[in-house]
């Protein structure tokens, strides 16, 4: 839990109660974000939508660091070898039985948040790039689309020149060539991005699966 007294300690017994019911992760979910500014509220909502749309691992909305974690979950997190850790995503990635408890977060008792807009933006980028290779892979489709459109436009220019003559000599062929080659370059970057994305996933060395519990016979 945070140390700015916004996470109420009186929620802890509710988290423990869920844990006693057999849940290994109990999330404290904010039911009201009125303590946040309008901009922070809207940007947080946008981040969750974009992240869960792009990333392979969805993260629960309106959930921060305030949570109860079983020892076996903590051990699983500690076993991950990666060093740049986006903890919101890793908590969701390791899985385990999860429940949530809704609560109202209190206003700050003193001081101001050190998380500026720029830091929040970088935090959002860290989250998206930690669990998604879409920013790399998207250029495959952008390049293919530009190349296809430039090819269609080239056919249109040829047909127009055949039936109506040439308006400006060399303009159409030069424009089509530039667009087509630019699209091919983006397509090549996208293909490289596909392989870089796979390398990025491999070097994290995340396990293929995590054993939640082991049963031993007598």
N, C-alpha and C. Protein backbone atom coordinates (compact mmCIF):
# COMPACT_ATOMS: atom_id res chain seq x y z
N UNK A 1 0.83 -1.19 0.00
CA UNK A 1 0.00 0.00 0.00
C UNK A 1 0.87 1.25 0.00
N UNK A 2 0.32 2.32 -0.54
CA UNK A 2 1.07 3.57 -0.59
C UNK A 2 1.23 4.16 0.81
N UNK A 3 2.20 5.05 0.95
CA UNK A 3 2.50 5.62 2.27
C UNK A 3 1.93 7.02 2.44
N UNK A 4 1.09 7.46 1.48
CA UNK A 4 0.55 8.82 1.58
C UNK A 4 -0.81 8.85 2.28
N UNK A 5 -1.19 7.74 2.92
CA UNK A 5 -2.42 7.62 3.71
C UNK A 5 -3.69 7.70 2.87
N UNK A 6 -3.56 7.53 1.54
CA UNK A 6 -4.76 7.50 0.71
C UNK A 6 -5.40 6.12 0.71
N UNK A 7 -4.61 5.09 0.97
CA UNK A 7 -5.15 3.74 1.06
C UNK A 7 -5.53 3.47 2.51
N UNK A 8 -6.82 3.35 2.81
CA UNK A 8 -7.26 3.23 4.22
C UNK A 8 -6.90 1.88 4.82
N UNK A 9 -6.24 1.86 5.96
CA UNK A 9 -5.89 0.59 6.60
C UNK A 9 -7.10 -0.24 7.01
N UNK A 10 -8.27 0.39 7.18
CA UNK A 10 -9.44 -0.37 7.61
C UNK A 10 -9.98 -1.30 6.53
N UNK A 11 -9.39 -1.23 5.32
CA UNK A 11 -9.77 -2.16 4.26
C UNK A 11 -9.01 -3.48 4.40
N UNK A 12 -7.89 -3.46 5.11
CA UNK A 12 -7.03 -4.64 5.22
C UNK A 12 -7.79 -5.86 5.75
N UNK A 13 -8.62 -5.74 6.81
CA UNK A 13 -9.37 -6.92 7.26
C UNK A 13 -10.26 -7.52 6.18
N UNK A 14 -10.80 -6.71 5.28
CA UNK A 14 -11.60 -7.24 4.17
C UNK A 14 -10.73 -8.03 3.20
N UNK A 15 -9.51 -7.54 2.97
CA UNK A 15 -8.59 -8.27 2.10
C UNK A 15 -8.21 -9.60 2.72
N UNK A 16 -7.94 -9.59 4.03
CA UNK A 16 -7.57 -10.82 4.73
C UNK A 16 -8.73 -11.83 4.70
N UNK A 17 -9.95 -11.33 4.82
CA UNK A 17 -11.12 -12.21 4.80
C UNK A 17 -11.22 -12.95 3.46
N UNK A 18 -10.98 -12.22 2.37
CA UNK A 18 -10.99 -12.86 1.05
C UNK A 18 -9.86 -13.87 0.92
N UNK A 19 -8.71 -13.53 1.48
CA UNK A 19 -7.56 -14.45 1.45
C UNK A 19 -7.88 -15.73 2.22
N UNK A 20 -8.56 -15.60 3.34
CA UNK A 20 -8.95 -16.78 4.12
C UNK A 20 -9.96 -17.64 3.37
N UNK A 21 -10.67 -17.03 2.44
CA UNK A 21 -11.62 -17.79 1.61
C UNK A 21 -10.93 -18.58 0.50
N UNK A 22 -9.61 -18.42 0.36
CA UNK A 22 -8.88 -19.21 -0.61
C UNK A 22 -8.30 -18.45 -1.78
N UNK A 23 -8.44 -17.14 -1.80
CA UNK A 23 -7.89 -16.34 -2.90
C UNK A 23 -6.44 -15.97 -2.58
N UNK A 24 -5.56 -16.17 -3.57
CA UNK A 24 -4.14 -15.86 -3.35
C UNK A 24 -3.80 -14.40 -3.61
N UNK A 25 -4.61 -13.73 -4.41
CA UNK A 25 -4.42 -12.30 -4.67
C UNK A 25 -5.75 -11.60 -4.42
N UNK A 26 -5.73 -10.58 -3.58
CA UNK A 26 -6.93 -9.80 -3.31
C UNK A 26 -6.65 -8.35 -3.65
N UNK A 27 -7.35 -7.84 -4.65
CA UNK A 27 -7.13 -6.49 -5.14
C UNK A 27 -8.03 -5.51 -4.41
N UNK A 28 -7.49 -4.35 -4.12
CA UNK A 28 -8.29 -3.25 -3.60
C UNK A 28 -8.64 -2.34 -4.77
N UNK A 29 -9.88 -2.40 -5.21
CA UNK A 29 -10.31 -1.68 -6.41
C UNK A 29 -11.03 -0.40 -6.03
N UNK A 30 -10.62 0.68 -6.65
CA UNK A 30 -11.21 1.98 -6.35
C UNK A 30 -12.59 2.09 -6.99
N UNK A 31 -13.60 2.32 -6.17
CA UNK A 31 -14.96 2.48 -6.68
C UNK A 31 -15.29 3.93 -6.99
N UNK A 32 -14.42 4.84 -6.57
CA UNK A 32 -14.68 6.27 -6.77
C UNK A 32 -13.34 6.97 -6.97
N UNK A 33 -13.21 7.69 -8.09
CA UNK A 33 -11.97 8.42 -8.37
C UNK A 33 -12.18 9.93 -8.27
N UNK A 34 -13.12 10.34 -7.43
CA UNK A 34 -13.42 11.77 -7.31
C UNK A 34 -12.26 12.54 -6.68
N UNK A 35 -11.35 11.84 -6.00
CA UNK A 35 -10.20 12.53 -5.40
C UNK A 35 -9.16 12.91 -6.46
N UNK A 36 -9.26 12.32 -7.66
CA UNK A 36 -8.34 12.65 -8.75
C UNK A 36 -8.87 13.83 -9.55
N UNK A 37 -7.96 14.52 -10.21
CA UNK A 37 -8.38 15.58 -11.11
C UNK A 37 -9.05 14.99 -12.34
N UNK A 38 -9.78 15.81 -13.08
CA UNK A 38 -10.48 15.33 -14.26
C UNK A 38 -9.50 14.78 -15.28
N UNK A 39 -8.38 15.48 -15.47
CA UNK A 39 -7.39 15.04 -16.45
C UNK A 39 -6.78 13.70 -16.06
N UNK A 40 -6.44 13.55 -14.78
CA UNK A 40 -5.84 12.29 -14.34
C UNK A 40 -6.83 11.14 -14.44
N UNK A 41 -8.08 11.44 -14.12
CA UNK A 41 -9.11 10.40 -14.22
C UNK A 41 -9.30 9.94 -15.65
N UNK A 42 -9.39 10.89 -16.59
CA UNK A 42 -9.61 10.53 -17.98
C UNK A 42 -8.39 9.84 -18.59
N UNK A 43 -7.20 10.33 -18.23
CA UNK A 43 -5.99 9.71 -18.78
C UNK A 43 -5.82 8.29 -18.25
N UNK A 44 -6.16 8.04 -16.97
CA UNK A 44 -6.07 6.70 -16.42
C UNK A 44 -7.05 5.76 -17.13
N UNK A 45 -8.26 6.25 -17.36
CA UNK A 45 -9.26 5.43 -18.06
C UNK A 45 -8.79 5.11 -19.48
N UNK A 46 -8.20 6.10 -20.16
CA UNK A 46 -7.69 5.87 -21.51
C UNK A 46 -6.54 4.87 -21.51
N UNK A 47 -5.68 4.97 -20.51
CA UNK A 47 -4.55 4.04 -20.43
C UNK A 47 -5.02 2.60 -20.30
N UNK A 48 -5.98 2.35 -19.42
CA UNK A 48 -6.46 0.99 -19.23
C UNK A 48 -7.08 0.44 -20.51
N UNK A 49 -7.84 1.28 -21.23
CA UNK A 49 -8.47 0.81 -22.46
C UNK A 49 -7.42 0.50 -23.52
N UNK A 50 -6.45 1.41 -23.70
CA UNK A 50 -5.43 1.20 -24.72
C UNK A 50 -4.55 0.01 -24.37
N UNK A 51 -4.13 -0.08 -23.12
CA UNK A 51 -3.26 -1.19 -22.70
C UNK A 51 -3.95 -2.53 -22.92
N UNK A 52 -5.17 -2.67 -22.43
CA UNK A 52 -5.86 -3.95 -22.53
C UNK A 52 -6.26 -4.29 -23.96
N UNK A 53 -6.31 -3.29 -24.84
CA UNK A 53 -6.58 -3.55 -26.24
C UNK A 53 -5.32 -4.03 -26.96
N UNK A 54 -4.17 -3.47 -26.60
CA UNK A 54 -2.93 -3.78 -27.29
C UNK A 54 -2.16 -4.93 -26.66
N UNK A 55 -2.18 -5.03 -25.36
CA UNK A 55 -1.31 -5.97 -24.66
C UNK A 55 -1.90 -7.37 -24.65
N UNK A 56 -1.02 -8.36 -24.56
CA UNK A 56 -1.45 -9.74 -24.47
C UNK A 56 -2.03 -10.06 -23.09
N UNK A 57 -1.60 -9.32 -22.08
CA UNK A 57 -2.07 -9.55 -20.72
C UNK A 57 -2.88 -8.35 -20.25
N UNK A 58 -4.17 -8.54 -20.02
CA UNK A 58 -5.01 -7.45 -19.53
C UNK A 58 -4.73 -7.20 -18.05
N UNK A 59 -4.90 -5.96 -17.64
CA UNK A 59 -4.76 -5.62 -16.23
C UNK A 59 -6.09 -5.07 -15.73
N UNK A 60 -6.43 -5.34 -14.48
CA UNK A 60 -7.71 -4.86 -13.94
C UNK A 60 -7.72 -3.34 -13.83
N UNK A 61 -8.84 -2.74 -14.15
CA UNK A 61 -8.95 -1.29 -14.13
C UNK A 61 -9.13 -0.77 -12.70
N UNK A 62 -8.66 0.46 -12.49
CA UNK A 62 -8.82 1.17 -11.22
C UNK A 62 -8.23 0.40 -10.04
N UNK A 63 -7.15 -0.33 -10.31
CA UNK A 63 -6.45 -1.06 -9.24
C UNK A 63 -5.02 -0.57 -9.20
N UNK A 64 -4.57 -0.16 -8.02
CA UNK A 64 -3.21 0.31 -7.87
C UNK A 64 -2.33 -0.72 -7.19
N UNK A 65 -1.43 -0.24 -6.35
CA UNK A 65 -0.52 -1.15 -5.64
C UNK A 65 -1.17 -1.78 -4.41
N UNK A 66 -2.24 -1.18 -3.92
CA UNK A 66 -2.88 -1.65 -2.69
C UNK A 66 -3.54 -3.01 -2.94
N UNK A 67 -2.96 -4.05 -2.36
CA UNK A 67 -3.48 -5.41 -2.55
C UNK A 67 -2.87 -6.34 -1.51
N UNK A 68 -3.47 -7.50 -1.37
CA UNK A 68 -2.91 -8.55 -0.52
C UNK A 68 -2.40 -9.65 -1.44
N UNK A 69 -1.18 -10.11 -1.17
CA UNK A 69 -0.54 -11.11 -2.03
C UNK A 69 -0.07 -12.27 -1.16
N UNK A 70 -0.45 -13.48 -1.55
CA UNK A 70 -0.01 -14.67 -0.85
C UNK A 70 1.48 -14.90 -1.08
N UNK A 71 2.11 -15.61 -0.17
CA UNK A 71 3.55 -15.88 -0.28
C UNK A 71 3.88 -16.62 -1.57
N UNK A 72 3.04 -17.55 -2.03
CA UNK A 72 3.34 -18.30 -3.24
C UNK A 72 3.32 -17.39 -4.47
N UNK A 73 2.48 -16.36 -4.45
CA UNK A 73 2.45 -15.39 -5.55
C UNK A 73 3.73 -14.56 -5.52
N UNK A 74 4.12 -14.14 -4.34
CA UNK A 74 5.35 -13.35 -4.21
C UNK A 74 6.56 -14.15 -4.66
N UNK A 75 6.60 -15.43 -4.31
CA UNK A 75 7.71 -16.28 -4.75
C UNK A 75 7.73 -16.41 -6.27
N UNK A 76 6.55 -16.52 -6.89
CA UNK A 76 6.48 -16.61 -8.34
C UNK A 76 6.99 -15.32 -8.99
N UNK A 77 6.64 -14.19 -8.42
CA UNK A 77 7.12 -12.91 -8.94
C UNK A 77 8.64 -12.78 -8.79
N UNK A 78 9.16 -13.23 -7.65
CA UNK A 78 10.60 -13.15 -7.41
C UNK A 78 11.39 -14.07 -8.33
N UNK A 79 10.74 -15.12 -8.82
CA UNK A 79 11.45 -16.07 -9.68
C UNK A 79 11.60 -15.56 -11.11
N UNK A 80 10.86 -14.52 -11.48
CA UNK A 80 10.96 -13.99 -12.84
C UNK A 80 12.30 -13.29 -13.00
N UNK A 81 13.07 -13.61 -14.05
CA UNK A 81 14.42 -13.06 -14.17
C UNK A 81 14.48 -11.65 -14.74
N UNK A 82 13.40 -11.15 -15.32
CA UNK A 82 13.47 -9.82 -15.95
C UNK A 82 13.69 -8.74 -14.90
N UNK A 83 14.31 -7.64 -15.31
CA UNK A 83 14.71 -6.60 -14.37
C UNK A 83 13.87 -5.33 -14.49
N UNK A 84 13.44 -4.98 -15.70
CA UNK A 84 12.54 -3.84 -15.85
C UNK A 84 11.12 -4.36 -15.66
N UNK A 85 10.57 -4.07 -14.51
CA UNK A 85 9.32 -4.72 -14.12
C UNK A 85 8.18 -3.72 -14.07
N UNK A 86 7.16 -3.99 -14.87
CA UNK A 86 5.90 -3.26 -14.78
C UNK A 86 4.99 -4.10 -13.90
N UNK A 87 4.92 -3.74 -12.62
CA UNK A 87 4.33 -4.62 -11.63
C UNK A 87 2.83 -4.82 -11.83
N UNK A 88 2.12 -3.81 -12.31
CA UNK A 88 0.69 -4.00 -12.58
C UNK A 88 0.48 -5.18 -13.54
N UNK A 89 1.29 -5.22 -14.58
CA UNK A 89 1.17 -6.29 -15.56
C UNK A 89 1.65 -7.63 -15.03
N UNK A 90 2.75 -7.63 -14.26
CA UNK A 90 3.29 -8.88 -13.74
C UNK A 90 2.37 -9.53 -12.73
N UNK A 91 1.71 -8.72 -11.89
CA UNK A 91 0.74 -9.28 -10.96
C UNK A 91 -0.37 -10.00 -11.71
N UNK A 92 -0.82 -9.41 -12.82
CA UNK A 92 -1.86 -10.05 -13.61
C UNK A 92 -1.31 -11.26 -14.37
N UNK A 93 -0.06 -11.18 -14.80
CA UNK A 93 0.52 -12.26 -15.62
C UNK A 93 0.68 -13.55 -14.84
N UNK A 94 1.13 -13.47 -13.58
CA UNK A 94 1.37 -14.70 -12.82
C UNK A 94 0.07 -15.42 -12.48
N UNK A 95 -1.04 -14.70 -12.55
CA UNK A 95 -2.33 -15.35 -12.36
C UNK A 95 -2.67 -15.61 -10.91
N UNK A 96 -2.99 -16.86 -10.58
CA UNK A 96 -3.49 -17.30 -9.28
C UNK A 96 -4.93 -16.84 -9.08
N UNK A 97 -5.58 -17.40 -8.11
CA UNK A 97 -6.98 -17.06 -7.85
C UNK A 97 -7.06 -15.65 -7.28
N UNK A 98 -7.86 -14.84 -7.93
CA UNK A 98 -7.88 -13.41 -7.62
C UNK A 98 -9.30 -12.96 -7.31
N UNK A 99 -9.42 -12.13 -6.30
CA UNK A 99 -10.68 -11.48 -5.95
C UNK A 99 -10.40 -10.00 -5.74
N UNK A 100 -11.45 -9.22 -5.63
CA UNK A 100 -11.28 -7.77 -5.43
C UNK A 100 -12.24 -7.27 -4.37
N UNK A 101 -11.83 -6.22 -3.72
CA UNK A 101 -12.65 -5.53 -2.72
C UNK A 101 -12.69 -4.06 -3.10
N UNK A 102 -13.87 -3.51 -3.24
CA UNK A 102 -14.00 -2.11 -3.63
C UNK A 102 -13.88 -1.21 -2.39
N UNK A 103 -13.28 -0.05 -2.61
CA UNK A 103 -13.12 0.91 -1.53
C UNK A 103 -13.04 2.31 -2.12
N UNK A 104 -13.20 3.30 -1.27
CA UNK A 104 -13.10 4.70 -1.68
C UNK A 104 -11.77 5.25 -1.20
N UNK A 105 -10.98 5.72 -2.14
CA UNK A 105 -9.66 6.23 -1.78
C UNK A 105 -9.79 7.64 -1.22
N UNK A 106 -9.07 7.90 -0.17
CA UNK A 106 -9.16 9.19 0.50
C UNK A 106 -8.28 10.23 -0.20
N UNK A 107 -8.60 11.51 -0.04
CA UNK A 107 -7.70 12.56 -0.55
C UNK A 107 -6.37 12.53 0.20
N UNK A 108 -5.35 13.09 -0.40
CA UNK A 108 -4.04 13.14 0.25
C UNK A 108 -4.13 13.97 1.52
N UNK A 109 -3.51 13.47 2.57
CA UNK A 109 -3.54 14.20 3.83
C UNK A 109 -2.57 15.38 3.83
N UNK A 110 -1.51 15.28 3.02
CA UNK A 110 -0.52 16.37 2.96
C UNK A 110 0.32 16.19 1.71
N UNK A 111 0.93 17.30 1.27
CA UNK A 111 1.86 17.23 0.15
C UNK A 111 1.18 17.06 -1.19
N UNK A 112 1.99 16.90 -2.22
CA UNK A 112 1.49 16.72 -3.57
C UNK A 112 2.17 15.51 -4.21
N UNK A 113 1.48 14.93 -5.17
CA UNK A 113 2.02 13.76 -5.85
C UNK A 113 3.27 14.13 -6.64
N UNK A 114 4.28 13.27 -6.58
CA UNK A 114 5.52 13.47 -7.34
C UNK A 114 5.42 12.89 -8.75
N UNK A 115 4.27 12.25 -9.04
CA UNK A 115 4.06 11.68 -10.36
C UNK A 115 3.51 12.77 -11.27
N UNK A 116 4.39 13.40 -12.03
CA UNK A 116 3.97 14.44 -12.96
C UNK A 116 3.33 13.81 -14.19
N UNK A 117 2.77 14.67 -15.04
CA UNK A 117 2.17 14.18 -16.28
C UNK A 117 3.18 13.46 -17.16
N UNK A 118 4.41 13.97 -17.20
CA UNK A 118 5.45 13.34 -18.00
C UNK A 118 5.81 11.97 -17.46
N UNK A 119 5.89 11.82 -16.14
CA UNK A 119 6.20 10.52 -15.54
C UNK A 119 5.06 9.53 -15.76
N UNK A 120 3.82 10.02 -15.70
CA UNK A 120 2.67 9.14 -15.97
C UNK A 120 2.68 8.67 -17.42
N UNK A 121 3.07 9.57 -18.34
CA UNK A 121 3.15 9.19 -19.75
C UNK A 121 4.21 8.09 -19.95
N UNK A 122 5.38 8.28 -19.35
CA UNK A 122 6.44 7.27 -19.46
C UNK A 122 6.02 5.95 -18.78
N UNK A 123 5.27 6.06 -17.70
CA UNK A 123 4.78 4.87 -17.01
C UNK A 123 3.81 4.10 -17.91
N UNK A 124 2.96 4.84 -18.63
CA UNK A 124 2.03 4.19 -19.56
C UNK A 124 2.78 3.50 -20.69
N UNK A 125 3.81 4.16 -21.22
CA UNK A 125 4.61 3.55 -22.28
C UNK A 125 5.33 2.30 -21.78
N UNK A 126 5.81 2.36 -20.55
CA UNK A 126 6.47 1.20 -19.96
C UNK A 126 5.51 0.02 -19.87
N UNK A 127 4.28 0.30 -19.48
CA UNK A 127 3.30 -0.77 -19.36
C UNK A 127 2.94 -1.39 -20.69
N UNK A 128 2.74 -0.55 -21.71
CA UNK A 128 2.34 -1.06 -23.02
C UNK A 128 3.48 -1.85 -23.66
N UNK A 129 4.69 -1.32 -23.60
CA UNK A 129 5.82 -1.99 -24.26
C UNK A 129 6.29 -3.21 -23.48
N UNK A 130 5.95 -3.32 -22.19
CA UNK A 130 6.35 -4.49 -21.41
C UNK A 130 5.51 -5.71 -21.76
N UNK A 131 4.28 -5.50 -22.23
CA UNK A 131 3.39 -6.62 -22.48
C UNK A 131 2.78 -6.61 -23.88
N UNK A 132 3.37 -5.84 -24.77
CA UNK A 132 2.84 -5.82 -26.14
C UNK A 132 3.96 -5.50 -27.12
N UNK A 133 3.97 -6.21 -28.24
CA UNK A 133 4.88 -5.91 -29.34
C UNK A 133 4.14 -5.25 -30.49
N UNK A 134 2.90 -4.82 -30.24
CA UNK A 134 2.09 -4.18 -31.28
C UNK A 134 2.76 -2.94 -31.88
N UNK A 135 3.42 -2.07 -31.07
CA UNK A 135 4.09 -0.92 -31.69
C UNK A 135 5.14 -1.31 -32.72
N UNK A 136 5.75 -2.49 -32.57
CA UNK A 136 6.71 -2.97 -33.57
C UNK A 136 6.00 -3.59 -34.76
N UNK A 137 4.98 -4.37 -34.48
CA UNK A 137 4.32 -5.15 -35.53
C UNK A 137 3.41 -4.31 -36.42
N UNK A 138 2.94 -3.17 -35.91
CA UNK A 138 1.96 -2.40 -36.67
C UNK A 138 2.52 -1.87 -37.98
N UNK A 139 3.86 -1.71 -38.04
CA UNK A 139 4.45 -1.14 -39.25
C UNK A 139 4.40 -2.12 -40.42
N UNK A 140 4.24 -3.39 -40.13
CA UNK A 140 4.03 -4.35 -41.22
C UNK A 140 2.76 -4.00 -41.98
N UNK A 141 1.70 -3.72 -41.24
CA UNK A 141 0.41 -3.44 -41.87
C UNK A 141 0.37 -2.03 -42.46
N UNK A 142 1.02 -1.08 -41.79
CA UNK A 142 1.07 0.28 -42.35
C UNK A 142 1.83 0.27 -43.67
N UNK A 143 2.97 -0.40 -43.71
CA UNK A 143 3.76 -0.47 -44.94
C UNK A 143 3.01 -1.18 -46.05
N UNK A 144 2.35 -2.29 -45.73
CA UNK A 144 1.58 -3.01 -46.75
C UNK A 144 0.44 -2.15 -47.27
N UNK A 145 -0.22 -1.41 -46.39
CA UNK A 145 -1.33 -0.55 -46.81
C UNK A 145 -0.84 0.57 -47.72
N UNK A 146 0.28 1.21 -47.36
CA UNK A 146 0.80 2.30 -48.18
C UNK A 146 1.27 1.78 -49.54
N UNK A 147 1.93 0.64 -49.54
CA UNK A 147 2.38 0.05 -50.81
C UNK A 147 1.19 -0.30 -51.69
N UNK A 148 0.15 -0.89 -51.10
CA UNK A 148 -1.04 -1.25 -51.88
C UNK A 148 -1.75 -0.04 -52.44
N UNK A 149 -1.88 1.00 -51.61
CA UNK A 149 -2.56 2.21 -52.07
C UNK A 149 -1.76 2.92 -53.17
N UNK A 150 -0.43 2.94 -53.02
CA UNK A 150 0.39 3.58 -54.05
C UNK A 150 0.32 2.80 -55.36
N UNK A 151 0.22 1.47 -55.28
CA UNK A 151 0.08 0.67 -56.49
C UNK A 151 -1.25 0.95 -57.18
N UNK A 152 -2.32 1.03 -56.40
CA UNK A 152 -3.64 1.35 -56.97
C UNK A 152 -3.64 2.75 -57.56
N UNK A 153 -3.01 3.69 -56.86
CA UNK A 153 -2.93 5.05 -57.37
C UNK A 153 -2.13 5.11 -58.66
N UNK A 154 -1.06 4.29 -58.73
CA UNK A 154 -0.27 4.23 -59.96
C UNK A 154 -1.10 3.73 -61.13
N UNK A 155 -1.93 2.70 -60.91
CA UNK A 155 -2.81 2.21 -61.97
C UNK A 155 -3.79 3.29 -62.40
N UNK A 156 -4.28 4.06 -61.43
CA UNK A 156 -5.20 5.15 -61.75
C UNK A 156 -4.53 6.21 -62.60
N UNK A 157 -3.27 6.55 -62.27
CA UNK A 157 -2.54 7.56 -63.04
C UNK A 157 -2.27 7.07 -64.46
N UNK A 158 -1.92 5.80 -64.60
CA UNK A 158 -1.67 5.24 -65.93
C UNK A 158 -2.94 5.29 -66.77
N UNK A 159 -4.07 4.91 -66.17
CA UNK A 159 -5.33 4.94 -66.90
C UNK A 159 -5.72 6.37 -67.26
N UNK A 160 -5.51 7.29 -66.34
CA UNK A 160 -5.84 8.68 -66.61
C UNK A 160 -4.98 9.24 -67.73
N UNK A 161 -3.66 8.91 -67.69
CA UNK A 161 -2.77 9.40 -68.76
C UNK A 161 -3.15 8.78 -70.11
N UNK A 162 -3.58 7.53 -70.09
CA UNK A 162 -3.95 6.84 -71.34
C UNK A 162 -5.19 7.46 -71.98
N UNK A 163 -6.15 7.84 -71.14
CA UNK A 163 -7.41 8.35 -71.68
C UNK A 163 -7.45 9.88 -71.80
N UNK A 164 -6.78 10.58 -70.88
CA UNK A 164 -6.90 12.05 -70.86
C UNK A 164 -5.57 12.77 -71.08
N UNK A 165 -4.48 12.06 -71.23
CA UNK A 165 -3.20 12.69 -71.44
C UNK A 165 -2.50 12.99 -70.12
N UNK A 166 -1.28 13.50 -70.22
CA UNK A 166 -0.44 13.77 -69.04
C UNK A 166 -0.52 15.25 -68.69
N UNK A 167 -0.84 15.57 -67.43
CA UNK A 167 -0.92 16.97 -66.98
C UNK A 167 0.47 17.56 -66.78
N UNK A 168 1.26 16.91 -65.89
CA UNK A 168 2.63 17.38 -65.61
C UNK A 168 3.56 16.19 -65.84
N UNK A 169 4.38 16.22 -66.85
CA UNK A 169 5.26 15.08 -67.16
C UNK A 169 6.18 14.73 -65.98
N UNK A 170 6.21 13.47 -65.62
CA UNK A 170 7.11 12.98 -64.57
C UNK A 170 6.57 13.06 -63.17
N UNK A 171 5.54 13.90 -62.95
CA UNK A 171 5.04 14.08 -61.57
C UNK A 171 4.40 12.81 -61.03
N UNK A 172 3.53 12.22 -61.80
CA UNK A 172 2.80 11.04 -61.32
C UNK A 172 3.73 9.86 -61.07
N UNK A 173 4.62 9.60 -62.02
CA UNK A 173 5.53 8.47 -61.85
C UNK A 173 6.46 8.66 -60.66
N UNK A 174 6.91 9.90 -60.45
CA UNK A 174 7.79 10.18 -59.31
C UNK A 174 7.04 10.00 -57.99
N UNK A 175 5.82 10.51 -57.92
CA UNK A 175 5.04 10.40 -56.69
C UNK A 175 4.72 8.94 -56.37
N UNK A 176 4.32 8.19 -57.38
CA UNK A 176 4.00 6.78 -57.15
C UNK A 176 5.24 6.01 -56.73
N UNK A 177 6.38 6.30 -57.33
CA UNK A 177 7.62 5.61 -56.97
C UNK A 177 8.01 5.89 -55.52
N UNK A 178 7.90 7.16 -55.11
CA UNK A 178 8.26 7.54 -53.74
C UNK A 178 7.33 6.85 -52.74
N UNK A 179 6.02 6.89 -53.01
CA UNK A 179 5.06 6.27 -52.10
C UNK A 179 5.26 4.76 -52.04
N UNK A 180 5.48 4.14 -53.18
CA UNK A 180 5.63 2.69 -53.21
C UNK A 180 6.90 2.25 -52.47
N UNK A 181 8.01 2.94 -52.75
CA UNK A 181 9.26 2.58 -52.07
C UNK A 181 9.18 2.88 -50.57
N UNK A 182 8.49 3.99 -50.21
CA UNK A 182 8.31 4.28 -48.79
C UNK A 182 7.50 3.20 -48.10
N UNK A 183 6.46 2.72 -48.78
CA UNK A 183 5.66 1.64 -48.22
C UNK A 183 6.45 0.37 -48.07
N UNK A 184 7.29 0.05 -49.07
CA UNK A 184 8.13 -1.15 -48.99
C UNK A 184 9.10 -1.04 -47.82
N UNK A 185 9.64 0.15 -47.60
CA UNK A 185 10.57 0.35 -46.47
C UNK A 185 9.85 0.13 -45.14
N UNK A 186 8.65 0.69 -45.01
CA UNK A 186 7.90 0.48 -43.78
C UNK A 186 7.53 -0.98 -43.60
N UNK A 187 7.21 -1.64 -44.70
CA UNK A 187 6.90 -3.07 -44.63
C UNK A 187 8.12 -3.85 -44.15
N UNK A 188 9.30 -3.49 -44.67
CA UNK A 188 10.53 -4.14 -44.22
C UNK A 188 10.80 -3.89 -42.75
N UNK A 189 10.58 -2.64 -42.30
CA UNK A 189 10.75 -2.33 -40.88
C UNK A 189 9.78 -3.15 -40.04
N UNK A 190 8.54 -3.31 -40.55
CA UNK A 190 7.56 -4.10 -39.82
C UNK A 190 7.97 -5.55 -39.70
N UNK A 191 8.52 -6.12 -40.77
CA UNK A 191 8.97 -7.51 -40.72
C UNK A 191 10.12 -7.66 -39.72
N UNK A 192 11.05 -6.71 -39.75
CA UNK A 192 12.13 -6.73 -38.75
C UNK A 192 11.53 -6.62 -37.34
N UNK A 193 10.50 -5.75 -37.21
CA UNK A 193 9.85 -5.59 -35.91
C UNK A 193 9.23 -6.88 -35.40
N UNK A 194 8.70 -7.71 -36.32
CA UNK A 194 8.15 -8.99 -35.92
C UNK A 194 9.21 -9.85 -35.24
N UNK A 195 10.40 -9.88 -35.83
CA UNK A 195 11.48 -10.69 -35.25
C UNK A 195 12.03 -10.05 -33.96
N UNK A 196 12.13 -8.73 -33.95
CA UNK A 196 12.60 -8.05 -32.74
C UNK A 196 11.63 -8.30 -31.58
N UNK A 197 10.33 -8.29 -31.90
CA UNK A 197 9.33 -8.56 -30.88
C UNK A 197 9.49 -9.95 -30.29
N UNK A 198 9.81 -10.92 -31.13
CA UNK A 198 10.02 -12.28 -30.64
C UNK A 198 11.30 -12.37 -29.80
N UNK A 199 12.34 -11.67 -30.23
CA UNK A 199 13.57 -11.62 -29.42
C UNK A 199 13.28 -10.98 -28.07
N UNK A 200 12.52 -9.90 -28.08
CA UNK A 200 12.16 -9.18 -26.85
C UNK A 200 11.41 -10.10 -25.89
N UNK A 201 10.50 -10.91 -26.44
CA UNK A 201 9.75 -11.83 -25.58
C UNK A 201 10.64 -12.93 -25.03
N UNK A 202 11.59 -13.40 -25.84
CA UNK A 202 12.44 -14.50 -25.41
C UNK A 202 13.44 -14.09 -24.33
N UNK A 203 14.02 -12.90 -24.47
CA UNK A 203 15.07 -12.51 -23.53
C UNK A 203 14.51 -12.23 -22.13
N UNK A 204 13.20 -12.04 -22.02
CA UNK A 204 12.61 -11.86 -20.69
C UNK A 204 12.65 -13.17 -19.91
N UNK A 205 12.65 -14.29 -20.64
CA UNK A 205 12.75 -15.62 -20.04
C UNK A 205 11.64 -15.87 -19.01
N UNK A 206 10.45 -15.36 -19.30
CA UNK A 206 9.32 -15.69 -18.44
C UNK A 206 8.99 -17.17 -18.61
N UNK A 207 8.65 -17.84 -17.53
CA UNK A 207 8.33 -19.28 -17.65
C UNK A 207 7.08 -19.49 -18.49
N UNK A 208 6.99 -20.67 -19.11
CA UNK A 208 5.84 -20.99 -19.93
C UNK A 208 4.60 -21.12 -19.07
N UNK A 209 4.76 -21.60 -17.87
CA UNK A 209 3.64 -21.73 -16.94
C UNK A 209 4.16 -21.63 -15.53
N UNK A 210 3.25 -21.43 -14.59
CA UNK A 210 3.58 -21.36 -13.17
C UNK A 210 2.71 -22.36 -12.44
N UNK A 211 3.31 -23.20 -11.63
CA UNK A 211 2.58 -24.18 -10.84
C UNK A 211 1.99 -23.48 -9.62
N UNK A 212 0.67 -23.49 -9.52
CA UNK A 212 0.01 -22.82 -8.40
C UNK A 212 0.17 -23.58 -7.10
N UNK A 213 0.05 -24.91 -7.18
CA UNK A 213 0.14 -25.70 -5.97
C UNK A 213 0.60 -27.11 -6.30
N UNK A 214 1.39 -27.69 -5.45
CA UNK A 214 1.89 -29.06 -5.64
C UNK A 214 1.29 -29.96 -4.55
N UNK A 215 0.74 -31.08 -4.99
CA UNK A 215 0.16 -32.04 -4.06
C UNK A 215 1.09 -33.23 -3.91
N UNK A 216 1.39 -33.59 -2.72
CA UNK A 216 2.26 -34.73 -2.44
C UNK A 216 1.49 -35.80 -1.70
N UNK A 217 1.57 -37.02 -2.16
CA UNK A 217 0.91 -38.11 -1.48
C UNK A 217 1.71 -38.61 -0.29
N UNK A 218 1.04 -39.23 0.59
CA UNK A 218 1.73 -39.77 1.77
C UNK A 218 2.51 -41.03 1.37
